[in-house]
Each structure stands twice: as structure tokens, then as C-alpha cells.
Amino acid sequence: MKAAVVSAFDAPPRYGDFPDPAPAGDDEVVVDVLAAGLHPRVRSQASGSHYTSTDELPLVPGVDGVGRGSDGLLRYFVLSDTTLGSMAERTVIDTRRSVVLPDDTDPVAVAAAMNPAMASWVALRQRVRFQAGQSVLVLGAGNAGQIAVQVAKLLGASRIVVAGRLHTGVAGRLRAAGAAETVSLDGELDVAAKRIGEVASDVDVVLDYLWGEPAAAAMAAIITARADRGKPLTWVEIGSVAGPTAAIPSAALRAARLTVIGSGQGSVGGHEYLAELPALAEAITAGRIDVDARAVPLADVEQAWADTGASHRIVLTPRP
């Protein structure tokens, strides 16, 4: 079969031949892949830099997707750590790690939205005791951050602030999605951090996709400006686009009722992720969570891989 094949961690996948998959367990089936999202998680998988990497090569990247099995059912599936990912004409899925979709579902929309939406959805439903009426700061205005605004609003957030790099049209899209305030991180970081402190000093939860220097600066600014430092603030580290480490001032941890936690594979168990799939898939298929997606043929995987600045979510489609 044809697939995107990673033969070296320092080179992009190439379109080529890969052995046909075969199920090994009672709950495994082979599906024809209809759509597979090119998520940041997939890029780190293909570069061997993700913390779950096993350094096995060759591999087919892809952590999830939409496919159809011989039973005719359309499924969104999440793969376990495997060298046979979803960026192939066919892959093996465990039906227990999948959810059946309505037959008229747009596979590209679901493949584009489920992974980035899952980050904020799981953070607010599994890692935080989030309650309707609480307020949220989303740190990072990329694709996942924009979806996080929709998720937070859907789950009942009373006020949402977003801080990030606001490229053309992004601020407008964020406000249309439900953000009350936006803060640009372009320019001097200390100026942006002060602004974050001014508009987000009283938030209950921070969904942080950046980490690094922006997180440290924003954390210090929020705590400095916080009127009631006894009010709980939960900082959820989800991504590290701005850097893998953040120099958090020790005073920030002592001067306020601050809790810093992570949300991701490991801190959230597999069964907890799976428990959230049906409700999230239903929200996406019903149109309550939207994503800007662009379908690209699997044969063009090298060009798609080079498009690192895309504001939309790229979805590879193995079949014409």
C-alpha cells in the first residue's frame, strides 16, 4: 500500500510503499483511511522528538484519523503508540479506541478538529474541576488555541481572554468564537505581559499552549495584578511552542493560590481520553466546534510537511 514513510528523523516523510497492515487482536480491524490530521503532535512523532518516541524506523506518522472498515461503519479512531500511523491508505485500529460517526459526517472536518479540540476539552473536563461561569485565559492563538476558545465557551466559560501572535484576521476570528479580549504577543514581551496582567488578572484557569518565556512573563504579570491572591488559579500546561522550559519565579508560587499542572498523554490516562471521544465527536459533527481545514492528497505529503506556517489545519487524504 501507499503511505507517508519516515525513514530518518531529520527528514520529512516521503510518499512510498509500506507493508499492508494486518490485525493482531480480537478488537483490531483494518480500515481504509479517509482523512488524517497533520497535527503538531504528528510532526514531533515524525521527528522523534516527542516524549513518547521509541526511535523505531521506518514508521508511518499519524496519531488519529477517520476511516471505514469492512463493516461499512465510519469511525474516528485514536491509535496507540505504533509505527503504523494513520497517514496511509490503510491502518489497523482498535475498535475500543474509536467512535462510530454518522454516515454523512465530513471526514476532513472531524480529522482536523478532534485532536486540537481534545487538548482543551480534556484539560477542562479531566484535569481541572472546571465549572460553568468560570473565566479562562488561552495562552497561544494558533489553531489549537482558537479551538480552545470554542471549547471553553461550549463548556460554559463566562469570559475568555486570548494572548498570542495575532496574524491578519486572527483577532476577529477569536472574538467571533467568543473571546472577550485579545492581547498581541508581537513586540516587547514585557509590554505584552503587562497587558495580560491588566485584562486577565482575575481568571480562574489558564490553558497554556506556549510555555517558555511567554508563560513565565504572563504568570508573573497576572499574579502581580491579581486583586484577590487567595482566589485559586489553575495553570494548565498543554503545549510548549515557545520553549520546553519556563523560568517561573519562586515568588509566583508563594504569593498566590497557584496550581501548575500538565495535561497530555500520561497525565491523562487512555481510558479518560476515550471516555471523552463520543461527546466531543458529537459536538464537532453537530457544528458546535469548527476548524479551518484544508485537505491535501497523501501523495503531496512532502509539500504539506513544509507548510509549517499554515493558519489552517492540514488534513491528508489517502484516497481521491
Protein backbone atom coordinates (compact mmCIF):
# COMPACT_ATOMS: atom_id res chain seq x y z
CA MET A 1 0.00 0.00 0.00
CA LYS A 2 0.99 3.67 -0.27
CA ALA A 3 1.85 5.67 2.83
CA ALA A 4 3.83 8.61 4.18
CA VAL A 5 7.05 6.93 5.31
CA VAL A 6 9.58 8.34 7.77
CA SER A 7 13.00 6.76 7.16
CA ALA A 8 15.08 9.33 9.07
CA PHE A 9 14.09 11.65 11.91
CA ASP A 10 15.86 14.61 10.30
CA ALA A 11 13.92 14.37 7.02
CA PRO A 12 10.22 14.77 6.16
CA PRO A 13 8.09 11.73 5.34
CA ARG A 14 8.03 10.60 1.74
CA TYR A 15 5.21 9.08 -0.21
CA GLY A 16 6.06 5.46 -0.90
CA ASP A 17 5.31 1.81 -0.33
CA PHE A 18 4.75 0.26 3.08
CA PRO A 19 3.67 -3.29 4.03
CA ASP A 20 -0.06 -3.90 4.21
CA PRO A 21 -1.40 -3.97 7.77
CA ALA A 22 -2.94 -7.00 9.45
CA PRO A 23 -4.97 -7.13 12.68
CA ALA A 24 -3.36 -8.97 15.61
CA GLY A 25 -6.11 -8.96 18.24
CA ASP A 26 -9.82 -9.67 18.54
CA ASP A 27 -10.72 -5.96 18.76
CA GLU A 28 -8.49 -4.89 15.87
CA VAL A 29 -9.71 -4.22 12.34
CA VAL A 30 -8.20 -2.81 9.19
CA VAL A 31 -9.79 0.41 7.96
CA ASP A 32 -9.46 2.39 4.77
CA VAL A 33 -8.18 5.76 5.93
CA LEU A 34 -10.21 8.67 4.61
CA ALA A 35 -8.56 11.54 6.48
CA ALA A 36 -5.63 12.04 8.87
CA GLY A 37 -4.75 15.35 10.51
CA LEU A 38 -1.24 16.81 10.34
CA HIS A 39 -1.09 17.97 13.96
CA PRO A 40 1.95 19.33 15.85
CA ARG A 41 1.91 16.06 17.78
CA VAL A 42 2.37 14.21 14.47
CA ARG A 43 5.30 16.41 13.48
CA SER A 44 7.07 15.65 16.78
CA GLN A 45 6.30 11.95 16.32
CA ALA A 46 7.91 12.00 12.87
CA SER A 47 10.98 13.90 14.12
CA GLY A 48 11.46 11.54 17.07
CA SER A 49 11.25 14.49 19.48
CA HIS A 50 8.01 13.62 21.24
CA TYR A 51 8.44 12.27 24.76
CA THR A 52 6.68 9.02 23.76
CA SER A 53 9.07 8.35 20.84
CA THR A 54 10.57 4.84 20.68
CA ASP A 55 13.13 5.74 17.96
CA GLU A 56 11.84 2.92 15.73
CA LEU A 57 12.22 3.39 11.98
CA PRO A 58 10.78 3.24 9.42
CA LEU A 59 7.42 4.49 10.59
CA VAL A 60 4.20 5.87 9.22
CA PRO A 61 3.20 9.02 11.15
CA GLY A 62 -0.33 9.89 12.25
CA VAL A 63 -1.97 9.54 15.65
CA ASP A 64 -5.64 9.60 14.68
CA GLY A 65 -7.99 9.81 11.74
CA VAL A 66 -11.26 8.86 10.14
CA GLY A 67 -11.66 5.55 8.35
CA ARG A 68 -14.15 2.97 7.16
CA GLY A 69 -13.91 -0.74 7.85
CA SER A 70 -15.26 -3.75 6.02
CA ASP A 71 -18.40 -3.49 8.17
CA GLY A 72 -19.19 -0.20 6.43
CA LEU A 73 -19.02 1.85 9.63
CA LEU A 74 -17.38 5.27 9.57
CA ARG A 75 -15.16 5.74 12.63
CA TYR A 76 -12.98 8.34 14.22
CA PHE A 77 -10.07 6.46 15.76
CA VAL A 78 -7.12 7.16 18.02
CA LEU A 79 -4.05 4.99 17.59
CA SER A 80 -1.82 3.69 20.33
CA ASP A 81 1.93 4.32 20.03
CA THR A 82 2.73 2.48 16.82
CA THR A 83 4.97 2.59 13.77
CA LEU A 84 1.87 2.18 11.57
CA GLY A 85 0.12 5.53 11.87
CA SER A 86 -2.88 6.94 10.06
CA MET A 87 -1.08 8.56 7.11
CA ALA A 88 -1.51 5.55 4.88
CA GLU A 89 -4.13 4.06 2.61
CA ARG A 90 -4.97 1.58 5.37
CA THR A 91 -4.17 1.11 9.04
CA VAL A 92 -5.10 -1.14 11.94
CA ILE A 93 -7.32 0.30 14.66
CA ASP A 94 -8.57 -0.99 17.98
CA THR A 95 -12.34 -0.51 17.84
CA ARG A 96 -12.32 0.22 21.57
CA ARG A 97 -10.30 3.34 20.77
CA SER A 98 -12.80 4.62 18.22
CA VAL A 99 -16.24 6.15 17.96
CA VAL A 100 -18.77 5.46 15.20
CA LEU A 101 -19.74 8.59 13.26
CA PRO A 102 -22.93 9.39 11.34
CA ASP A 103 -22.52 8.23 7.77
CA ASP A 104 -22.89 11.75 6.36
CA THR A 105 -20.05 13.12 8.51
CA ASP A 106 -17.34 15.13 6.75
CA PRO A 107 -14.18 13.06 7.45
CA VAL A 108 -11.87 16.03 6.83
CA ALA A 109 -13.65 18.24 9.39
CA VAL A 110 -13.53 15.57 12.08
CA ALA A 111 -9.89 14.61 11.37
CA ALA A 112 -8.94 18.30 11.53
CA ALA A 113 -10.80 19.19 14.73
CA MET A 114 -10.71 16.21 17.08
CA ASN A 115 -7.03 16.31 18.04
CA PRO A 116 -6.66 20.06 18.67
CA ALA A 117 -10.06 20.24 20.37
CA MET A 118 -9.24 17.24 22.55
CA ALA A 119 -6.40 19.17 24.20
CA SER A 120 -8.60 21.85 25.74
CA TRP A 121 -11.63 19.58 26.11
CA VAL A 122 -9.72 17.03 28.20
CA ALA A 123 -7.90 19.74 30.15
CA LEU A 124 -11.19 21.33 31.22
CA ARG A 125 -13.06 18.08 31.82
CA GLN A 126 -10.38 15.77 33.20
CA ARG A 127 -7.54 17.87 34.63
CA VAL A 128 -9.48 20.82 36.07
CA ARG A 129 -12.70 20.92 38.06
CA PHE A 130 -13.98 23.48 35.62
CA GLN A 131 -17.41 24.90 36.29
CA ALA A 132 -19.72 26.97 34.11
CA GLY A 133 -19.26 30.62 34.94
CA GLN A 134 -15.51 30.48 35.43
CA SER A 135 -13.13 32.54 33.30
CA VAL A 136 -10.28 31.33 31.06
CA LEU A 137 -7.08 32.72 29.58
CA VAL A 138 -5.87 30.91 26.47
CA LEU A 139 -2.15 31.46 26.00
CA GLY A 140 -1.47 30.84 22.32
CA ALA A 141 -3.57 31.94 19.34
CA GLY A 142 -2.70 29.16 16.92
CA ASN A 143 -5.11 26.60 15.56
CA ALA A 144 -5.47 24.74 18.86
CA GLY A 145 -5.79 27.97 20.82
CA GLN A 146 -8.54 29.21 18.54
CA ILE A 147 -10.44 25.96 19.03
CA ALA A 148 -9.86 26.20 22.80
CA VAL A 149 -11.95 29.39 22.77
CA GLN A 150 -14.84 27.47 21.22
CA VAL A 151 -14.44 24.60 23.69
CA ALA A 152 -14.29 26.89 26.72
CA LYS A 153 -17.39 28.74 25.55
CA LEU A 154 -19.22 25.47 24.90
CA LEU A 155 -18.36 24.26 28.41
CA GLY A 156 -19.76 27.44 29.96
CA ALA A 157 -16.88 29.88 30.41
CA SER A 158 -18.17 33.30 31.41
CA ARG A 159 -15.21 35.24 29.98
CA ILE A 160 -12.36 34.20 27.70
CA VAL A 161 -9.13 36.11 27.07
CA VAL A 162 -6.60 35.07 24.41
CA ALA A 163 -2.95 36.10 24.21
CA GLY A 164 -0.83 35.14 21.22
CA ARG A 165 0.60 36.23 17.91
CA LEU A 166 -2.36 37.83 16.17
CA HIS A 167 -1.72 37.48 12.46
CA THR A 168 -4.09 39.10 9.98
CA GLY A 169 -7.70 38.31 10.82
CA VAL A 170 -6.92 36.19 13.90
CA ALA A 171 -8.22 38.69 16.45
CA GLY A 172 -11.51 38.95 14.58
CA ARG A 173 -11.89 35.18 14.42
CA LEU A 174 -11.13 34.87 18.13
CA ARG A 175 -13.77 37.43 19.03
CA ALA A 176 -16.28 35.77 16.73
CA ALA A 177 -15.57 32.48 18.52
CA GLY A 178 -16.25 34.02 21.93
CA ALA A 179 -13.11 35.80 23.15
CA ALA A 180 -13.86 38.95 25.15
CA GLU A 181 -10.30 40.31 24.92
CA THR A 182 -7.22 39.60 22.83
CA VAL A 183 -3.60 40.52 23.61
CA SER A 184 -0.88 40.51 20.96
CA LEU A 185 2.43 38.88 21.88
CA ASP A 186 4.17 40.59 18.96
CA GLY A 187 6.77 43.12 20.04
CA GLU A 188 8.27 43.52 23.52
CA LEU A 189 7.31 40.64 25.80
CA ASP A 190 7.27 42.72 28.98
CA VAL A 191 4.76 45.13 27.42
CA ALA A 192 2.52 42.26 26.31
CA ALA A 193 2.81 40.58 29.72
CA LYS A 194 1.74 43.77 31.49
CA ARG A 195 -1.30 43.94 29.23
CA ILE A 196 -2.13 40.31 30.00
CA GLY A 197 -1.97 41.13 33.71
CA GLU A 198 -4.35 44.05 33.20
CA VAL A 199 -7.05 42.12 31.32
CA ALA A 200 -6.65 38.61 32.78
CA SER A 201 -5.73 39.22 36.43
CA ASP A 202 -8.88 37.54 37.73
CA VAL A 203 -9.09 34.44 35.51
CA ASP A 204 -9.71 31.04 37.05
CA VAL A 205 -7.92 28.83 34.50
CA VAL A 206 -5.06 29.31 32.04
CA LEU A 207 -4.79 26.95 29.06
CA ASP A 208 -1.15 27.34 28.05
CA TYR A 209 -0.03 26.19 24.62
CA LEU A 210 3.21 28.22 24.66
CA TRP A 211 5.21 27.70 27.89
CA GLY A 212 8.75 29.14 27.70
CA GLU A 213 9.36 32.85 28.31
CA PRO A 214 5.78 33.97 27.48
CA ALA A 215 4.35 31.70 30.18
CA ALA A 216 6.80 32.90 32.83
CA ALA A 217 6.18 36.55 31.98
CA ALA A 218 2.39 36.17 31.84
CA MET A 219 2.31 34.23 35.12
CA ALA A 220 4.28 36.91 36.97
CA ALA A 221 2.15 39.70 35.49
CA ILE A 222 -1.15 38.03 36.37
CA ILE A 223 -0.14 37.32 39.95
CA THR A 224 1.24 40.84 40.41
CA ALA A 225 -2.04 42.35 39.18
CA ARG A 226 -4.33 39.88 40.95
CA ALA A 227 -6.59 41.70 43.43
CA ASP A 228 -7.50 38.55 45.37
CA ARG A 229 -4.45 36.32 45.53
CA GLY A 230 -6.37 33.78 47.59
CA LYS A 231 -8.62 33.07 44.61
CA PRO A 232 -7.50 29.75 43.04
CA LEU A 233 -5.69 29.97 39.71
CA THR A 234 -5.02 26.75 37.83
CA TRP A 235 -2.35 26.93 35.13
CA VAL A 236 -2.65 24.01 32.69
CA GLU A 237 0.46 23.41 30.57
CA ILE A 238 -0.66 21.81 27.30
CA GLY A 239 1.99 22.71 24.72
CA SER A 240 5.48 24.16 24.51
CA VAL A 241 5.58 26.06 21.24
CA ALA A 242 7.66 28.85 22.80
CA GLY A 243 10.12 26.57 24.58
CA PRO A 244 10.38 23.40 26.66
CA THR A 245 11.34 25.21 29.89
CA ALA A 246 9.97 28.24 31.70
CA ALA A 247 11.81 30.19 34.42
CA ILE A 248 8.96 30.51 36.91
CA PRO A 249 9.77 32.96 39.75
CA SER A 250 9.56 31.22 43.13
CA ALA A 251 7.56 34.18 44.46
CA ALA A 252 4.79 33.38 41.98
CA LEU A 253 4.24 30.05 43.71
CA ARG A 254 4.25 31.59 47.19
CA ALA A 255 2.39 34.84 46.56
CA ALA A 256 -0.84 33.40 45.19
CA ARG A 257 -3.01 30.32 45.34
CA LEU A 258 -1.49 29.00 42.12
CA THR A 259 -1.56 25.42 40.90
CA VAL A 260 0.54 24.43 37.86
CA ILE A 261 -0.37 21.14 36.19
CA GLY A 262 0.11 19.46 32.83
CA SER A 263 -2.42 17.89 30.53
CA GLY A 264 -1.34 15.33 27.98
CA GLN A 265 -0.55 11.72 27.30
CA GLY A 266 0.41 10.19 30.64
CA SER A 267 -1.11 12.79 32.95
CA VAL A 268 -4.42 11.82 31.41
CA GLY A 269 -4.99 8.08 31.11
CA GLY A 270 -6.02 6.37 27.90
CA HIS A 271 -9.42 5.38 29.28
CA GLU A 272 -10.07 9.01 30.27
CA TYR A 273 -9.33 10.19 26.73
CA LEU A 274 -11.57 7.50 25.29
CA ALA A 275 -14.40 8.43 27.63
CA GLU A 276 -14.42 11.93 26.12
CA LEU A 277 -14.47 10.86 22.46
CA PRO A 278 -18.25 10.44 21.95
CA ALA A 279 -19.26 13.82 23.38
CA LEU A 280 -16.50 15.69 21.56
CA ALA A 281 -17.19 13.92 18.26
CA GLU A 282 -20.87 14.77 18.62
CA ALA A 283 -20.07 18.45 19.23
CA ILE A 284 -17.89 18.58 16.12
CA THR A 285 -20.29 16.72 13.83
CA ALA A 286 -23.12 18.96 15.07
CA GLY A 287 -21.11 22.04 14.08
CA ARG A 288 -20.67 23.43 17.59
CA ILE A 289 -16.87 23.28 17.20
CA ASP A 290 -15.42 24.41 13.90
CA VAL A 291 -11.92 24.37 12.43
CA ASP A 292 -10.35 25.84 9.32
CA ALA A 293 -9.24 22.71 7.47
CA ARG A 294 -7.54 22.11 4.13
CA ALA A 295 -7.47 18.69 2.53
CA VAL A 296 -4.22 17.66 0.82
CA PRO A 297 -3.67 14.40 -1.09
CA LEU A 298 -1.41 11.98 0.75
CA ALA A 299 0.84 11.87 -2.32
CA ASP A 300 1.70 15.53 -1.59
CA VAL A 301 2.85 14.85 1.97
CA GLU A 302 6.30 16.41 1.47
CA GLN A 303 4.82 19.72 0.35
CA ALA A 304 2.28 19.62 3.17
CA TRP A 305 5.06 18.98 5.70
CA ALA A 306 6.91 22.07 4.52
CA ASP A 307 3.84 24.26 5.15
CA THR A 308 4.73 24.97 8.78
CA GLY A 309 3.19 28.44 8.83
CA ALA A 310 -0.30 27.42 7.81
CA SER A 311 -3.09 29.03 9.84
CA HIS A 312 -5.41 26.19 8.85
CA ARG A 313 -5.21 22.54 9.89
CA ILE A 314 -3.82 20.35 7.11
CA VAL A 315 -5.58 17.01 6.62
CA LEU A 316 -4.06 14.31 4.42
CA THR A 317 -6.48 12.29 2.32
CA PRO A 318 -5.10 8.96 1.09
CA ARG A 319 -7.94 8.36 -1.38
CA PRO A 320 -9.02 10.61 -4.28
